[in-house]
PDB file of N, CA and C in Angstrom:
ATOM      1  N   MET A   1      -7.548  12.478  15.699  1.00  0.00           N
ATOM      2  CA  MET A   1      -7.718  11.090  15.257  1.00  0.00           C
ATOM      3  C   MET A   1      -8.542  10.373  16.310  1.00  0.00           C
ATOM      4  N   CYS A   2      -9.539   9.702  15.855  1.00  0.00           N
ATOM      5  CA  CYS A   2     -10.343   8.919  16.779  1.00  0.00           C
ATOM      6  C   CYS A   2     -10.298   7.451  16.369  1.00  0.00           C
ATOM      7  N   GLN A   3     -10.800   6.607  17.244  1.00  0.00           N
ATOM      8  CA  GLN A   3     -10.801   5.164  17.006  1.00  0.00           C
ATOM      9  C   GLN A   3     -11.515   4.804  15.702  1.00  0.00           C
ATOM     10  N   VAL A   4     -12.589   5.536  15.394  1.00  0.00           N
ATOM     11  CA  VAL A   4     -13.358   5.249  14.173  1.00  0.00           C
ATOM     12  C   VAL A   4     -12.489   5.455  12.933  1.00  0.00           C
ATOM     13  N   GLU A   5     -11.741   6.560  12.881  1.00  0.00           N
ATOM     14  CA  GLU A   5     -10.868   6.824  11.731  1.00  0.00           C
ATOM     15  C   GLU A   5      -9.779   5.754  11.612  1.00  0.00           C
ATOM     16  N   PHE A   6      -9.258   5.333  12.750  1.00  0.00           N
ATOM     17  CA  PHE A   6      -8.248   4.277  12.763  1.00  0.00           C
ATOM     18  C   PHE A   6      -8.840   2.984  12.200  1.00  0.00           C
ATOM     19  N   GLU A   7     -10.042   2.646  12.626  1.00  0.00           N
ATOM     20  CA  GLU A   7     -10.701   1.425  12.138  1.00  0.00           C
ATOM     21  C   GLU A   7     -11.023   1.530  10.648  1.00  0.00           C
ATOM     22  N   LEU A   8     -11.377   2.725  10.189  1.00  0.00           N
ATOM     23  CA  LEU A   8     -11.624   2.925   8.756  1.00  0.00           C
ATOM     24  C   LEU A   8     -10.337   2.698   7.954  1.00  0.00           C
ATOM     25  N   ALA A   9      -9.231   3.183   8.479  1.00  0.00           N
ATOM     26  CA  ALA A   9      -7.940   2.977   7.812  1.00  0.00           C
ATOM     27  C   ALA A   9      -7.600   1.488   7.798  1.00  0.00           C
ATOM     28  N   ARG A  10      -7.897   0.823   8.891  1.00  0.00           N
ATOM     29  CA  ARG A  10      -7.643  -0.621   8.972  1.00  0.00           C
ATOM     30  C   ARG A  10      -8.454  -1.374   7.918  1.00  0.00           C
ATOM     31  N   ALA A  11      -9.723  -0.988   7.765  1.00  0.00           N
ATOM     32  CA  ALA A  11     -10.583  -1.620   6.756  1.00  0.00           C
ATOM     33  C   ALA A  11     -10.079  -1.312   5.346  1.00  0.00           C
ATOM     34  N   ALA A  12      -9.629  -0.077   5.132  1.00  0.00           N
ATOM     35  CA  ALA A  12      -9.118   0.319   3.813  1.00  0.00           C
ATOM     36  C   ALA A  12      -7.878  -0.497   3.454  1.00  0.00           C
ATOM     37  N   LEU A  13      -7.035  -0.756   4.444  1.00  0.00           N
ATOM     38  CA  LEU A  13      -5.823  -1.539   4.204  1.00  0.00           C
ATOM     39  C   LEU A  13      -6.180  -2.947   3.725  1.00  0.00           C
ATOM     40  N   LYS A  14      -7.209  -3.516   4.308  1.00  0.00           N
ATOM     41  CA  LYS A  14      -7.633  -4.866   3.916  1.00  0.00           C
ATOM     42  C   LYS A  14      -8.157  -4.904   2.482  1.00  0.00           C
ATOM     43  N   GLN A  15      -8.613  -3.769   1.971  1.00  0.00           N
ATOM     44  CA  GLN A  15      -9.171  -3.701   0.619  1.00  0.00           C
ATOM     45  C   GLN A  15      -8.109  -3.509  -0.462  1.00  0.00           C
ATOM     46  N   LEU A  16      -6.891  -3.174  -0.057  1.00  0.00           N
ATOM     47  CA  LEU A  16      -5.828  -2.953  -1.046  1.00  0.00           C
ATOM     48  C   LEU A  16      -5.562  -4.230  -1.827  1.00  0.00           C
ATOM     49  N   LYS A  17      -5.462  -4.073  -3.117  1.00  0.00           N
ATOM     50  CA  LYS A  17      -5.208  -5.224  -3.978  1.00  0.00           C
ATOM     51  C   LYS A  17      -3.832  -5.152  -4.641  1.00  0.00           C
ATOM     52  N   GLY A  18      -3.276  -3.970  -4.660  1.00  0.00           N
ATOM     53  CA  GLY A  18      -1.990  -3.779  -5.321  1.00  0.00           C
ATOM     54  C   GLY A  18      -0.844  -4.290  -4.478  1.00  0.00           C
ATOM     55  N   PRO A  19       0.323  -4.371  -5.076  1.00  0.00           N
ATOM     56  CA  PRO A  19       1.490  -4.852  -4.339  1.00  0.00           C
ATOM     57  C   PRO A  19       1.938  -3.841  -3.287  1.00  0.00           C
ATOM     58  N   VAL A  20       2.242  -4.356  -2.129  1.00  0.00           N
ATOM     59  CA  VAL A  20       2.776  -3.544  -1.037  1.00  0.00           C
ATOM     60  C   VAL A  20       4.117  -4.172  -0.677  1.00  0.00           C
ATOM     61  N   SER A  21       5.146  -3.354  -0.624  1.00  0.00           N
ATOM     62  CA  SER A  21       6.486  -3.887  -0.348  1.00  0.00           C
ATOM     63  C   SER A  21       6.560  -4.435   1.079  1.00  0.00           C
ATOM     64  N   ASP A  22       7.513  -5.322   1.302  1.00  0.00           N
ATOM     65  CA  ASP A  22       7.714  -5.868   2.645  1.00  0.00           C
ATOM     66  C   ASP A  22       8.033  -4.754   3.634  1.00  0.00           C
ATOM     67  N   GLN A  23       8.798  -3.775   3.182  1.00  0.00           N
ATOM     68  CA  GLN A  23       9.157  -2.649   4.047  1.00  0.00           C
ATOM     69  C   GLN A  23       7.901  -1.878   4.469  1.00  0.00           C
ATOM     70  N   GLU A  24       6.996  -1.647   3.524  1.00  0.00           N
ATOM     71  CA  GLU A  24       5.754  -0.939   3.843  1.00  0.00           C
ATOM     72  C   GLU A  24       4.870  -1.774   4.768  1.00  0.00           C
ATOM     73  N   LYS A  25       4.815  -3.071   4.527  1.00  0.00           N
ATOM     74  CA  LYS A  25       4.030  -3.961   5.392  1.00  0.00           C
ATOM     75  C   LYS A  25       4.551  -3.915   6.818  1.00  0.00           C
ATOM     76  N   LEU A  26       5.877  -3.949   6.963  1.00  0.00           N
ATOM     77  CA  LEU A  26       6.467  -3.904   8.298  1.00  0.00           C
ATOM     78  C   LEU A  26       6.212  -2.564   8.978  1.00  0.00           C
ATOM     79  N   LEU A  27       6.299  -1.487   8.228  1.00  0.00           N
ATOM     80  CA  LEU A  27       6.028  -0.166   8.790  1.00  0.00           C
ATOM     81  C   LEU A  27       4.599  -0.099   9.319  1.00  0.00           C
ATOM     82  N   VAL A  28       3.647  -0.549   8.510  1.00  0.00           N
ATOM     83  CA  VAL A  28       2.238  -0.535   8.905  1.00  0.00           C
ATOM     84  C   VAL A  28       2.018  -1.456  10.105  1.00  0.00           C
ATOM     85  N   TYR A  29       2.645  -2.619  10.089  1.00  0.00           N
ATOM     86  CA  TYR A  29       2.523  -3.566  11.199  1.00  0.00           C
ATOM     87  C   TYR A  29       3.010  -2.934  12.503  1.00  0.00           C
ATOM     88  N   GLY A  30       4.184  -2.325  12.452  1.00  0.00           N
ATOM     89  CA  GLY A  30       4.740  -1.705  13.649  1.00  0.00           C
ATOM     90  C   GLY A  30       3.858  -0.597  14.194  1.00  0.00           C
ATOM     91  N   LEU A  31       3.311   0.210  13.300  1.00  0.00           N
ATOM     92  CA  LEU A  31       2.411   1.289  13.733  1.00  0.00           C
ATOM     93  C   LEU A  31       1.123   0.723  14.320  1.00  0.00           C
ATOM     94  N   TYR A  32       0.607  -0.338  13.704  1.00  0.00           N
ATOM     95  CA  TYR A  32      -0.618  -0.965  14.205  1.00  0.00           C
ATOM     96  C   TYR A  32      -0.402  -1.507  15.621  1.00  0.00           C
ATOM     97  N   LYS A  33       0.697  -2.230  15.815  1.00  0.00           N
ATOM     98  CA  LYS A  33       0.981  -2.792  17.138  1.00  0.00           C
ATOM     99  C   LYS A  33       1.172  -1.685  18.177  1.00  0.00           C
ATOM    100  N   GLN A  34       1.855  -0.608  17.800  1.00  0.00           N
ATOM    101  CA  GLN A  34       2.066   0.501  18.724  1.00  0.00           C
ATOM    102  C   GLN A  34       0.738   1.164  19.062  1.00  0.00           C
ATOM    103  N   ALA A  35      -0.124   1.323  18.061  1.00  0.00           N
ATOM    104  CA  ALA A  35      -1.423   1.970  18.267  1.00  0.00           C
ATOM    105  C   ALA A  35      -2.351   1.127  19.128  1.00  0.00           C
ATOM    106  N   THR A  36      -2.254  -0.176  19.010  1.00  0.00           N
ATOM    107  CA  THR A  36      -3.189  -1.041  19.733  1.00  0.00           C
ATOM    108  C   THR A  36      -2.642  -1.570  21.053  1.00  0.00           C
ATOM    109  N   GLN A  37      -1.308  -1.684  21.172  1.00  0.00           N
ATOM    110  CA  GLN A  37      -0.745  -2.281  22.380  1.00  0.00           C
ATOM    111  C   GLN A  37       0.290  -1.424  23.087  1.00  0.00           C
ATOM    112  N   GLY A  38       0.710  -0.344  22.457  1.00  0.00           N
ATOM    113  CA  GLY A  38       1.734   0.492  23.072  1.00  0.00           C
ATOM    114  C   GLY A  38       3.123  -0.081  22.834  1.00  0.00           C
ATOM    115  N   ASP A  39       4.070   0.326  23.679  1.00  0.00           N
ATOM    116  CA  ASP A  39       5.460  -0.099  23.500  1.00  0.00           C
ATOM    117  C   ASP A  39       5.598  -1.619  23.532  1.00  0.00           C
ATOM    118  N   CYS A  40       6.491  -2.109  22.701  1.00  0.00           N
ATOM    119  CA  CYS A  40       6.778  -3.543  22.631  1.00  0.00           C
ATOM    120  C   CYS A  40       7.391  -3.991  23.958  1.00  0.00           C
ATOM    121  N   ASP A  41       6.773  -4.995  24.577  1.00  0.00           N
ATOM    122  CA  ASP A  41       7.254  -5.458  25.876  1.00  0.00           C
ATOM    123  C   ASP A  41       7.634  -6.943  25.851  1.00  0.00           C
ATOM    124  N   ILE A  42       7.862  -7.458  24.665  1.00  0.00           N
ATOM    125  CA  ILE A  42       8.262  -8.859  24.551  1.00  0.00           C
ATOM    126  C   ILE A  42       9.739  -8.914  24.169  1.00  0.00           C
ATOM    127  N   PRO A  43      10.427  -9.955  24.603  1.00  0.00           N
ATOM    128  CA  PRO A  43      11.847 -10.061  24.246  1.00  0.00           C
ATOM    129  C   PRO A  43      12.029 -10.291  22.751  1.00  0.00           C
ATOM    130  N   ALA A  44      13.155  -9.863  22.257  1.00  0.00           N
ATOM    131  CA  ALA A  44      13.458 -10.021  20.828  1.00  0.00           C
ATOM    132  C   ALA A  44      13.571 -11.500  20.488  1.00  0.00           C
ATOM    133  N   PRO A  45      12.915 -11.893  19.397  1.00  0.00           N
ATOM    134  CA  PRO A  45      13.074 -13.283  18.949  1.00  0.00           C
ATOM    135  C   PRO A  45      14.497 -13.501  18.437  1.00  0.00           C
ATOM    136  N   PRO A  46      14.923 -14.734  18.339  1.00  0.00           N
ATOM    137  CA  PRO A  46      16.279 -14.984  17.833  1.00  0.00           C
ATOM    138  C   PRO A  46      16.418 -14.502  16.394  1.00  0.00           C
ATOM    139  N   ALA A  47      17.604 -14.096  16.050  1.00  0.00           N
ATOM    140  CA  ALA A  47      17.872 -13.594  14.696  1.00  0.00           C
ATOM    141  C   ALA A  47      17.609 -14.665  13.645  1.00  0.00           C
ATOM    142  N   SER A  48      17.653 -15.922  14.044  1.00  0.00           N
ATOM    143  CA  SER A  48      17.397 -17.007  13.092  1.00  0.00           C
ATOM    144  C   SER A  48      15.932 -17.053  12.650  1.00  0.00           C
ATOM    145  N   ASP A  49      15.044 -16.481  13.466  1.00  0.00           N
ATOM    146  CA  ASP A  49      13.623 -16.390  13.088  1.00  0.00           C
ATOM    147  C   ASP A  49      13.432 -15.034  12.407  1.00  0.00           C
ATOM    148  N   VAL A  50      13.807 -14.969  11.151  1.00  0.00           N
ATOM    149  CA  VAL A  50      13.903 -13.712  10.409  1.00  0.00           C
ATOM    150  C   VAL A  50      12.580 -12.947  10.396  1.00  0.00           C
ATOM    151  N   LYS A  51      11.489 -13.628  10.116  1.00  0.00           N
ATOM    152  CA  LYS A  51      10.187 -12.962  10.016  1.00  0.00           C
ATOM    153  C   LYS A  51       9.753 -12.384  11.366  1.00  0.00           C
ATOM    154  N   ALA A  52       9.836 -13.184  12.415  1.00  0.00           N
ATOM    155  CA  ALA A  52       9.442 -12.715  13.745  1.00  0.00           C
ATOM    156  C   ALA A  52      10.341 -11.569  14.197  1.00  0.00           C
ATOM    157  N   ARG A  53      11.616 -11.677  13.874  1.00  0.00           N
ATOM    158  CA  ARG A  53      12.568 -10.628  14.267  1.00  0.00           C
ATOM    159  C   ARG A  53      12.259  -9.319  13.541  1.00  0.00           C
ATOM    160  N   ALA A  54      11.934  -9.401  12.254  1.00  0.00           N
ATOM    161  CA  ALA A  54      11.604  -8.194  11.482  1.00  0.00           C
ATOM    162  C   ALA A  54      10.351  -7.528  12.047  1.00  0.00           C
ATOM    163  N   LYS A  55       9.358  -8.323  12.403  1.00  0.00           N
ATOM    164  CA  LYS A  55       8.124  -7.764  12.975  1.00  0.00           C
ATOM    165  C   LYS A  55       8.409  -7.128  14.338  1.00  0.00           C
ATOM    166  N   TRP A  56       9.225  -7.792  15.148  1.00  0.00           N
ATOM    167  CA  TRP A  56       9.581  -7.258  16.450  1.00  0.00           C
ATOM    168  C   TRP A  56      10.314  -5.918  16.297  1.00  0.00           C
ATOM    169  N   GLU A  57      11.245  -5.867  15.354  1.00  0.00           N
ATOM    170  CA  GLU A  57      11.995  -4.632  15.118  1.00  0.00           C
ATOM    171  C   GLU A  57      11.085  -3.512  14.621  1.00  0.00           C
ATOM    172  N   ALA A  58      10.117  -3.854  13.769  1.00  0.00           N
ATOM    173  CA  ALA A  58       9.184  -2.840  13.255  1.00  0.00           C
ATOM    174  C   ALA A  58       8.352  -2.251  14.386  1.00  0.00           C
ATOM    175  N   TRP A  59       7.914  -3.094  15.294  1.00  0.00           N
ATOM    176  CA  TRP A  59       7.126  -2.621  16.427  1.00  0.00           C
ATOM    177  C   TRP A  59       8.016  -1.831  17.382  1.00  0.00           C
ATOM    178  N   SER A  60       9.186  -2.372  17.704  1.00  0.00           N
ATOM    179  CA  SER A  60      10.098  -1.718  18.647  1.00  0.00           C
ATOM    180  C   SER A  60      10.576  -0.358  18.150  1.00  0.00           C
ATOM    181  N   ALA A  61      10.606  -0.168  16.846  1.00  0.00           N
ATOM    182  CA  ALA A  61      11.046   1.112  16.272  1.00  0.00           C
ATOM    183  C   ALA A  61      10.125   2.256  16.683  1.00  0.00           C
ATOM    184  N   ASN A  62       8.922   1.935  17.119  1.00  0.00           N
ATOM    185  CA  ASN A  62       7.955   2.964  17.509  1.00  0.00           C
ATOM    186  C   ASN A  62       7.925   3.215  19.013  1.00  0.00           C
ATOM    187  N   LYS A  63       8.874   2.654  19.733  1.00  0.00           N
ATOM    188  CA  LYS A  63       8.910   2.802  21.189  1.00  0.00           C
ATOM    189  C   LYS A  63       8.849   4.277  21.571  1.00  0.00           C
ATOM    190  N   GLY A  64       7.982   4.580  22.511  1.00  0.00           N
ATOM    191  CA  GLY A  64       7.834   5.952  22.981  1.00  0.00           C
ATOM    192  C   GLY A  64       6.789   6.752  22.223  1.00  0.00           C
ATOM    193  N   THR A  65       6.312   6.236  21.106  1.00  0.00           N
ATOM    194  CA  THR A  65       5.266   6.918  20.335  1.00  0.00           C
ATOM    195  C   THR A  65       3.932   6.666  21.020  1.00  0.00           C
ATOM    196  N   SER A  66       3.167   7.718  21.220  1.00  0.00           N
ATOM    197  CA  SER A  66       1.861   7.538  21.867  1.00  0.00           C
ATOM    198  C   SER A  66       0.943   6.727  20.961  1.00  0.00           C
ATOM    199  N   LYS A  67      -0.036   6.085  21.573  1.00  0.00           N
ATOM    200  CA  LYS A  67      -0.991   5.308  20.781  1.00  0.00           C
ATOM    201  C   LYS A  67      -1.700   6.205  19.771  1.00  0.00           C
ATOM    202  N   MET A  68      -2.036   7.415  20.182  1.00  0.00           N
ATOM    203  CA  MET A  68      -2.742   8.340  19.292  1.00  0.00           C
ATOM    204  C   MET A  68      -1.862   8.740  18.102  1.00  0.00           C
ATOM    205  N   ASP A  69      -0.595   9.034  18.365  1.00  0.00           N
ATOM    206  CA  ASP A  69       0.317   9.380  17.266  1.00  0.00           C
ATOM    207  C   ASP A  69       0.530   8.186  16.330  1.00  0.00           C
ATOM    208  N   ALA A  70       0.597   6.991  16.899  1.00  0.00           N
ATOM    209  CA  ALA A  70       0.746   5.790  16.069  1.00  0.00           C
ATOM    210  C   ALA A  70      -0.494   5.598  15.197  1.00  0.00           C
ATOM    211  N   MET A  71      -1.673   5.874  15.746  1.00  0.00           N
ATOM    212  CA  MET A  71      -2.911   5.781  14.958  1.00  0.00           C
ATOM    213  C   MET A  71      -2.879   6.759  13.794  1.00  0.00           C
ATOM    214  N   ARG A  72      -2.428   7.979  14.073  1.00  0.00           N
ATOM    215  CA  ARG A  72      -2.343   8.997  13.017  1.00  0.00           C
ATOM    216  C   ARG A  72      -1.371   8.561  11.914  1.00  0.00           C
ATOM    217  N   SER A  73      -0.211   8.098  12.323  1.00  0.00           N
ATOM    218  CA  SER A  73       0.799   7.668  11.347  1.00  0.00           C
ATOM    219  C   SER A  73       0.309   6.464  10.548  1.00  0.00           C
ATOM    220  N   TYR A  74      -0.368   5.562  11.213  1.00  0.00           N
ATOM    221  CA  TYR A  74      -0.928   4.381  10.548  1.00  0.00           C
ATOM    222  C   TYR A  74      -1.934   4.816   9.490  1.00  0.00           C
ATOM    223  N   ALA A  75      -2.864   5.685   9.874  1.00  0.00           N
ATOM    224  CA  ALA A  75      -3.889   6.155   8.931  1.00  0.00           C
ATOM    225  C   ALA A  75      -3.252   6.894   7.757  1.00  0.00           C
ATOM    226  N   ALA A  76      -2.226   7.697   8.024  1.00  0.00           N
ATOM    227  CA  ALA A  76      -1.549   8.437   6.954  1.00  0.00           C
ATOM    228  C   ALA A  76      -0.851   7.474   5.993  1.00  0.00           C
ATOM    229  N   LYS A  77      -0.213   6.442   6.526  1.00  0.00           N
ATOM    230  CA  LYS A  77       0.482   5.472   5.663  1.00  0.00           C
ATOM    231  C   LYS A  77      -0.519   4.687   4.820  1.00  0.00           C
ATOM    232  N   VAL A  78      -1.648   4.301   5.421  1.00  0.00           N
ATOM    233  CA  VAL A  78      -2.676   3.579   4.663  1.00  0.00           C
ATOM    234  C   VAL A  78      -3.229   4.474   3.559  1.00  0.00           C
ATOM    235  N   GLU A  79      -3.430   5.746   3.869  1.00  0.00           N
ATOM    236  CA  GLU A  79      -3.915   6.683   2.847  1.00  0.00           C
ATOM    237  C   GLU A  79      -2.900   6.787   1.700  1.00  0.00           C
ATOM    238  N   GLU A  80      -1.627   6.854   2.045  1.00  0.00           N
ATOM    239  CA  GLU A  80      -0.569   6.916   1.026  1.00  0.00           C
ATOM    240  C   GLU A  80      -0.594   5.661   0.140  1.00  0.00           C
ATOM    241  N   LEU A  81      -0.736   4.500   0.760  1.00  0.00           N
ATOM    242  CA  LEU A  81      -0.784   3.245  -0.002  1.00  0.00           C
ATOM    243  C   LEU A  81      -2.017   3.183  -0.895  1.00  0.00           C
ATOM    244  N   THR A  82      -3.127   3.698  -0.389  1.00  0.00           N
ATOM    245  CA  THR A  82      -4.371   3.714  -1.165  1.00  0.00           C
ATOM    246  C   THR A  82      -4.219   4.621  -2.376  1.00  0.00           C
ATOM    247  N   LYS A  83      -3.655   5.808  -2.165  1.00  0.00           N
ATOM    248  CA  LYS A  83      -3.444   6.740  -3.282  1.00  0.00           C
ATOM    249  C   LYS A  83      -2.478   6.150  -4.301  1.00  0.00           C
ATOM    250  N   LYS A  84      -1.461   5.480  -3.820  1.00  0.00           N
ATOM    251  CA  LYS A  84      -0.477   4.843  -4.701  1.00  0.00           C
ATOM    252  C   LYS A  84      -1.166   3.782  -5.560  1.00  0.00           C
ATOM    253  N   GLU A  85      -2.050   3.009  -4.940  1.00  0.00           N
ATOM    254  CA  GLU A  85      -2.770   1.975  -5.693  1.00  0.00           C
ATOM    255  C   GLU A  85      -3.714   2.597  -6.713  1.00  0.00           C
ATOM    256  N   VAL A  86      -4.442   3.633  -6.317  1.00  0.00           N
ATOM    257  CA  VAL A  86      -5.366   4.305  -7.233  1.00  0.00           C
ATOM    258  C   VAL A  86      -4.593   4.920  -8.390  1.00  0.00           C
ATOM    259  N   GLY A  87      -3.463   5.553  -8.102  1.00  0.00           N
ATOM    260  CA  GLY A  87      -2.634   6.141  -9.154  1.00  0.00           C
ATOM    261  C   GLY A  87      -2.142   5.084 -10.125  1.00  0.00           C
ATOM    262  N   GLY A  88      -1.752   3.932  -9.605  1.00  0.00           N
ATOM    263  CA  GLY A  88      -1.303   2.843 -10.464  1.00  0.00           C
ATOM    264  C   GLY A  88      -2.418   2.313 -11.335  1.00  0.00           C
ATOM    265  N   MET A  89      -3.619   2.236 -10.778  1.00  0.00           N
ATOM    266  CA  MET A  89      -4.768   1.763 -11.555  1.00  0.00           C
ATOM    267  C   MET A  89      -5.111   2.757 -12.655  1.00  0.00           C
ATOM    268  N   GLU A  90      -5.012   4.049 -12.343  1.00  0.00           N
ATOM    269  CA  GLU A  90      -5.305   5.077 -13.351  1.00  0.00           C
ATOM    270  C   GLU A  90      -4.285   5.026 -14.481  1.00  0.00           C
ATOM    271  N   ARG A  91      -3.006   4.844 -14.136  1.00  0.00           N
ATOM    272  CA  ARG A  91      -1.968   4.738 -15.169  1.00  0.00           C
ATOM    273  C   ARG A  91      -2.203   3.505 -16.038  1.00  0.00           C
ATOM    274  N   GLN A  92      -2.585   2.416 -15.405  1.00  0.00           N
ATOM    275  CA  GLN A  92      -2.851   1.188 -16.154  1.00  0.00           C
ATOM    276  C   GLN A  92      -4.036   1.385 -17.093  1.00  0.00           C
ATOM    277  N   GLN A  93      -5.081   2.034 -16.596  1.00  0.00           N
ATOM    278  CA  GLN A  93      -6.269   2.271 -17.423  1.00  0.00           C
ATOM    279  C   GLN A  93      -5.916   3.169 -18.611  1.00  0.00           C
ATOM    280  N   ARG A  94      -5.119   4.222 -18.369  1.00  0.00           N
ATOM    281  CA  ARG A  94      -4.699   5.100 -19.469  1.00  0.00           C
ATOM    282  C   ARG A  94      -3.901   4.315 -20.500  1.00  0.00           C
ATOM    283  N   GLY A  95      -3.050   3.419 -20.039  1.00  0.00           N
ATOM    284  CA  GLY A  95      -2.256   2.607 -20.953  1.00  0.00           C
ATOM    285  C   GLY A  95      -3.133   1.717 -21.817  1.00  0.00           C
ATOM    286  N   VAL A  96      -4.164   1.147 -21.218  1.00  0.00           N
ATOM    287  CA  VAL A  96      -5.092   0.309 -21.984  1.00  0.00           C
ATOM    288  C   VAL A  96      -5.816   1.153 -23.017  1.00  0.00           C
ATOM    289  N   GLN A  97      -6.272   2.335 -22.600  1.00  0.00           N
ATOM    290  CA  GLN A  97      -6.982   3.217 -23.530  1.00  0.00           C
ATOM    291  C   GLN A  97      -6.065   3.654 -24.666  1.00  0.00           C
ATOM    292  N   GLU A  98      -4.828   4.004 -24.352  1.00  0.00           N
ATOM    293  CA  GLU A  98      -3.878   4.409 -25.391  1.00  0.00           C
ATOM    294  C   GLU A  98      -3.615   3.249 -26.344  1.00  0.00           C
ATOM    295  N   GLY A  99      -3.528   2.049 -25.811  1.00  0.00           N
ATOM    296  CA  GLY A  99      -3.330   0.872 -26.645  1.00  0.00           C
ATOM    297  C   GLY A  99      -4.488   0.659 -27.593  1.00  0.00           C
ATOM    298  N   ARG A 100      -5.701   0.889 -27.108  1.00  0.00           N
ATOM    299  CA  ARG A 100      -6.878   0.759 -27.973  1.00  0.00           C
ATOM    300  C   ARG A 100      -6.829   1.786 -29.091  1.00  0.00           C
ATOM    301  N   HIS A 101      -6.481   3.023 -28.734  1.00  0.00           N
ATOM    302  CA  HIS A 101      -6.415   4.083 -29.747  1.00  0.00           C
ATOM    303  C   HIS A 101      -5.352   3.768 -30.792  1.00  0.00           C
ATOM    304  N   LYS A 102      -4.207   3.288 -30.346  1.00  0.00           N
ATOM    305  CA  LYS A 102      -3.143   2.925 -31.294  1.00  0.00           C
ATOM    306  C   LYS A 102      -3.618   1.802 -32.205  1.00  0.00           C
ATOM    307  N   GLY A 103      -4.307   0.830 -31.621  1.00  0.00           N
ATOM    308  CA  GLY A 103      -4.834  -0.275 -32.413  1.00  0.00           C
ATOM    309  C   GLY A 103      -5.833   0.191 -33.447  1.00  0.00           C
ATOM    310  N   LEU A 104      -6.680   1.146 -33.065  1.00  0.00           N
ATOM    311  CA  LEU A 104      -7.661   1.683 -34.013  1.00  0.00           C
ATOM    312  C   LEU A 104      -6.968   2.447 -35.131  1.00  0.00           C
ATOM    313  N   ARG A 105      -5.913   3.205 -34.782  1.00  0.00           N
ATOM    314  CA  ARG A 105      -5.175   3.957 -35.808  1.00  0.00           C
ATOM    315  C   ARG A 105      -4.529   3.008 -36.807  1.00  0.00           C
ATOM    316  N   VAL A 106      -3.944   1.942 -36.309  1.00  0.00           N
ATOM    317  CA  VAL A 106      -3.294   0.972 -37.196  1.00  0.00           C
ATOM    318  C   VAL A 106      -4.324   0.355 -38.129  1.00  0.00           C
ATOM    319  N   GLN A 107      -5.482  -0.018 -37.562  1.00  0.00           N
ATOM    320  CA  GLN A 107      -6.537  -0.603 -38.398  1.00  0.00           C
ATOM    321  C   GLN A 107      -7.016   0.391 -39.445  1.00  0.00           C
ATOM    322  N   SER A 108      -7.185   1.652 -39.048  1.00  0.00           N
ATOM    323  CA  SER A 108      -7.633   2.688 -39.986  1.00  0.00           C
ATOM    324  C   SER A 108      -6.628   2.868 -41.112  1.00  0.00           C
ATOM    325  N   GLU A 109      -5.345   2.904 -40.777  1.00  0.00           N
ATOM    326  CA  GLU A 109      -4.305   3.061 -41.791  1.00  0.00           C
ATOM    327  C   GLU A 109      -4.292   1.866 -42.742  1.00  0.00           C
ATOM    328  N   GLU A 110      -4.485   0.676 -42.222  1.00  0.00           N
ATOM    329  CA  GLU A 110      -4.508  -0.519 -43.071  1.00  0.00           C
ATOM    330  C   GLU A 110      -5.701  -0.487 -44.021  1.00  0.00           C
ATOM    331  N   LEU A 111      -6.858  -0.036 -43.514  1.00  0.00           N
ATOM    332  CA  LEU A 111      -8.049   0.066 -44.367  1.00  0.00           C
ATOM    333  C   LEU A 111      -7.829   1.081 -45.483  1.00  0.00           C
ATOM    334  N   ARG A 112      -7.213   2.218 -45.143  1.00  0.00           N
ATOM    335  CA  ARG A 112      -6.948   3.242 -46.155  1.00  0.00           C
ATOM    336  C   ARG A 112      -6.021   2.710 -47.246  1.00  0.00           C
ATOM    337  N   LYS A 113      -5.001   1.966 -46.837  1.00  0.00           N
ATOM    338  CA  LYS A 113      -4.062   1.395 -47.804  1.00  0.00           C
ATOM    339  C   LYS A 113      -4.776   0.404 -48.721  1.00  0.00           C
ATOM    340  N   GLU A 114      -5.665  -0.404 -48.128  1.00  0.00           N
ATOM    341  CA  GLU A 114      -6.410  -1.378 -48.938  1.00  0.00           C
ATOM    342  C   GLU A 114      -7.324  -0.676 -49.941  1.00  0.00           C
ATOM    343  N   GLU A 115      -7.981   0.397 -49.482  1.00  0.00           N
ATOM    344  CA  GLU A 115      -8.898   1.141 -50.359  1.00  0.00           C
ATOM    345  C   GLU A 115      -8.123   1.855 -51.469  1.00  0.00           C
ATOM    346  N   ALA A 116      -6.951   2.379 -51.139  1.00  0.00           N
ATOM    347  CA  ALA A 116      -6.143   3.111 -52.120  1.00  0.00           C
ATOM    348  C   ALA A 116      -5.474   2.146 -53.108  1.00  0.00           C
ATOM    349  N   GLY A 117      -5.170   0.966 -52.665  1.00  0.00           N
ATOM    350  CA  GLY A 117      -4.404   0.040 -53.491  1.00  0.00           C
ATOM    351  C   GLY A 117      -5.221  -0.797 -54.367  1.00  0.00           C
TER     352      GLY A 117
END
């Protein structure tokens, strides 16, 4: 894994349009922080600051992971999210196509009934 591949994964993440769960966002965030800054060296925010605390925990969960390993894991997770989005788009497209075919069949059957009747 080199810096270029990591940056490509970072750019790919920005292009995602599909829904990404909060859990996945936190996982990616933690890996990104570990890859770019190393171990978390800031004190834990108060539990009352839920968002900051979740981000801190996501980063701290990677303590001891090398920057290079964090880059690899980050790129792999982004690739997984990209494939998930592409798969969802393909399923949606198939559904639209199937809907069109069903609509055409219904219209054809109605025309046949009109011609026969």
